[in-house]
Protein backbone atom coordinates (compact mmCIF):
# COMPACT_ATOMS: atom_id res chain seq x y z
CA MET A 1 -16.65 -0.58 1.86
CA THR A 2 -16.06 1.72 4.62
CA GLN A 3 -14.24 4.97 3.82
CA VAL A 4 -11.06 5.55 5.90
CA PHE A 5 -9.73 8.57 4.15
CA GLY A 6 -11.18 12.17 3.79
CA ALA A 7 -11.21 13.81 0.38
CA GLU A 8 -7.68 15.32 0.45
CA GLU A 9 -6.25 12.29 2.20
CA ARG A 10 -7.79 10.01 -0.66
CA GLU A 11 -6.41 12.25 -3.42
CA ARG A 12 -2.91 11.95 -1.81
CA VAL A 13 -3.12 7.97 -1.35
CA ALA A 14 -4.67 7.60 -4.71
CA ALA A 15 -1.70 9.55 -6.09
CA ALA A 16 0.74 7.49 -4.20
CA LEU A 17 -0.83 4.26 -5.49
CA ASP A 18 -0.87 5.49 -9.03
CA GLU A 19 2.93 6.50 -9.02
CA GLN A 20 3.37 2.70 -8.12
CA VAL A 21 0.98 1.34 -10.82
CA PRO A 22 -0.46 3.88 -13.19
CA GLY A 23 -4.13 3.62 -13.20
CA ALA A 24 -4.31 1.60 -9.91
CA SER A 25 -6.78 3.94 -8.32
CA ASP A 26 -9.07 3.86 -11.38
CA LEU A 27 -9.22 0.20 -10.61
CA GLY A 28 -10.31 0.57 -6.90
CA ALA A 29 -6.77 0.61 -5.19
CA VAL A 30 -7.95 3.10 -2.42
CA ALA A 31 -11.07 0.89 -1.76
CA TYR A 32 -8.50 -2.28 -1.57
CA VAL A 33 -6.61 -0.15 1.13
CA GLU A 34 -9.56 0.85 2.96
CA GLY A 35 -10.84 -2.65 2.97
CA LEU A 36 -7.44 -3.77 4.39
CA LEU A 37 -7.49 -1.13 7.21
CA THR A 38 -11.02 -2.04 8.08
CA ALA A 39 -11.10 -5.82 7.76
CA PHE A 40 -11.77 -6.27 11.65
CA ASP A 41 -14.71 -4.21 11.48
CA HIS A 42 -16.47 -7.36 10.06
CA ASP A 43 -17.17 -10.95 11.52
CA PRO A 44 -15.41 -12.92 10.18
CA PRO A 45 -12.70 -10.38 9.44
CA ARG A 46 -12.28 -9.59 5.73
CA VAL A 47 -8.70 -10.96 5.33
CA TRP A 48 -9.20 -14.27 3.31
CA ALA A 49 -11.88 -14.37 0.69
CA GLY A 50 -13.30 -17.87 -0.15
CA PRO A 51 -15.92 -18.84 -2.70
CA ASP A 52 -18.74 -18.75 -0.12
CA GLY A 53 -17.63 -15.96 2.05
CA TRP A 54 -14.97 -14.77 4.25
CA LEU A 55 -12.94 -17.33 6.09
CA ASP A 56 -12.60 -17.35 9.89
CA LEU A 57 -9.00 -16.65 11.21
CA GLY A 58 -7.77 -18.68 14.29
CA PRO A 59 -6.47 -16.61 17.15
CA TRP A 60 -2.80 -16.48 16.33
CA GLU A 61 -3.58 -15.57 12.82
CA ALA A 62 -6.09 -12.87 13.86
CA GLN A 63 -3.35 -11.43 16.20
CA ALA A 64 -0.71 -11.40 13.35
CA TRP A 65 -3.13 -9.58 10.88
CA ARG A 66 -4.03 -7.11 13.53
CA GLU A 67 -0.39 -6.17 14.20
CA ARG A 68 0.18 -6.21 10.34
CA ILE A 69 -2.70 -3.78 9.66
CA ASP A 70 -1.57 -1.48 12.46
CA GLU A 71 1.72 -1.19 10.67
CA VAL A 72 -0.04 -0.66 7.58
CA ARG A 73 -2.16 1.93 9.03
CA ALA A 74 0.75 4.00 10.29
CA VAL A 75 2.05 3.92 6.59
CA TYR A 76 -1.22 5.23 5.26
CA GLU A 77 -1.36 7.91 7.87
CA ARG A 78 1.97 9.27 6.80
CA VAL A 79 1.06 8.98 3.05
CA ALA A 80 -2.21 10.71 3.51
CA ALA A 81 -0.50 13.52 5.35
CA GLY A 82 1.91 13.77 2.48
CA ALA A 83 4.80 12.64 4.45
CA GLY A 84 5.37 9.28 3.04
CA SER A 85 8.95 7.70 2.89
CA ALA A 86 10.78 5.25 0.47
CA ASP A 87 9.94 2.47 2.93
CA ASP A 88 6.29 3.32 2.74
CA ALA A 89 6.49 3.29 -1.09
CA ARG A 90 7.40 -0.37 -0.80
CA VAL A 91 4.20 -1.14 0.76
CA LEU A 92 2.33 1.20 -1.51
CA HIS A 93 3.86 -0.82 -4.53
CA THR A 94 2.77 -4.01 -2.94
CA HIS A 95 -0.87 -2.83 -2.45
CA ALA A 96 -1.23 -1.18 -5.86
CA ILE A 97 -0.13 -4.41 -7.47
CA GLU A 98 -2.46 -6.58 -5.31
CA ALA A 99 -5.24 -4.00 -5.95
CA THR A 100 -4.75 -3.74 -9.60
CA TYR A 101 -4.47 -7.59 -10.43
CA GLY A 102 -5.96 -9.32 -7.44
CA ASP A 103 -9.34 -10.83 -6.83
CA PRO A 104 -12.00 -8.17 -6.90
CA ALA A 105 -13.33 -9.41 -3.64
CA TYR A 106 -10.75 -7.35 -1.85
CA GLY A 107 -12.06 -4.08 -3.36
CA GLY A 108 -9.70 -3.39 -6.24
CA ASN A 109 -9.49 -4.72 -9.74
CA GLN A 110 -12.91 -3.25 -10.34
CA ALA A 111 -14.80 -4.90 -13.42
CA SER A 112 -11.77 -7.15 -13.66
CA GLY A 113 -9.97 -4.36 -15.33
CA GLY A 114 -6.35 -5.18 -14.14
CA TRP A 115 -7.05 -8.69 -15.66
CA GLN A 116 -8.14 -7.26 -18.70
CA ARG A 117 -4.97 -5.12 -19.01
CA ILE A 118 -2.79 -8.19 -19.11
CA ALA A 119 -5.27 -10.43 -21.02
CA PHE A 120 -5.89 -12.53 -18.01
CA PRO A 121 -8.98 -14.82 -18.41
CA GLU A 122 -11.85 -14.54 -15.99
CA PRO A 123 -11.46 -17.52 -13.59
CA LEU A 124 -13.51 -20.76 -14.34
CA PHE A 125 -13.57 -21.47 -10.60
CA PRO A 126 -16.21 -19.66 -8.46
CA PRO A 127 -14.66 -16.21 -7.90
CA SER A 128 -14.33 -14.83 -4.37
CA ARG A 129 -15.69 -11.51 -5.38
CA SER A 130 -19.26 -12.76 -4.51
CA THR A 131 -18.25 -12.24 -0.94
CA GLY A 132 -19.44 -8.62 -1.06
């Protein structure tokens, strides 16, 4: 995944995500966020992972995701600068949870560590994480 944050910014973002879910950064939460922020650097955009690759977006869906990602980018610019707000913490909380317990295809939950924390079994269906 593409790195978006410099070293100091990365530390601030990691600390902010860990504040929401302890250990989230160890499970790839920063990579998860960077994957979201760079989703449209790929074709198809890396928004929805499927068992056989990333799914195409329709034009309206793509526009909605671009707008959402622009809003999220503004949040992380503030957090990386050390100026995050309570409203930003809500976004961080959501992303820390998604990164810790979501499908590893999105960059978080590395080595299924989040699932192991809560004794969630490895999926029996073809996992999305093969989408690389």
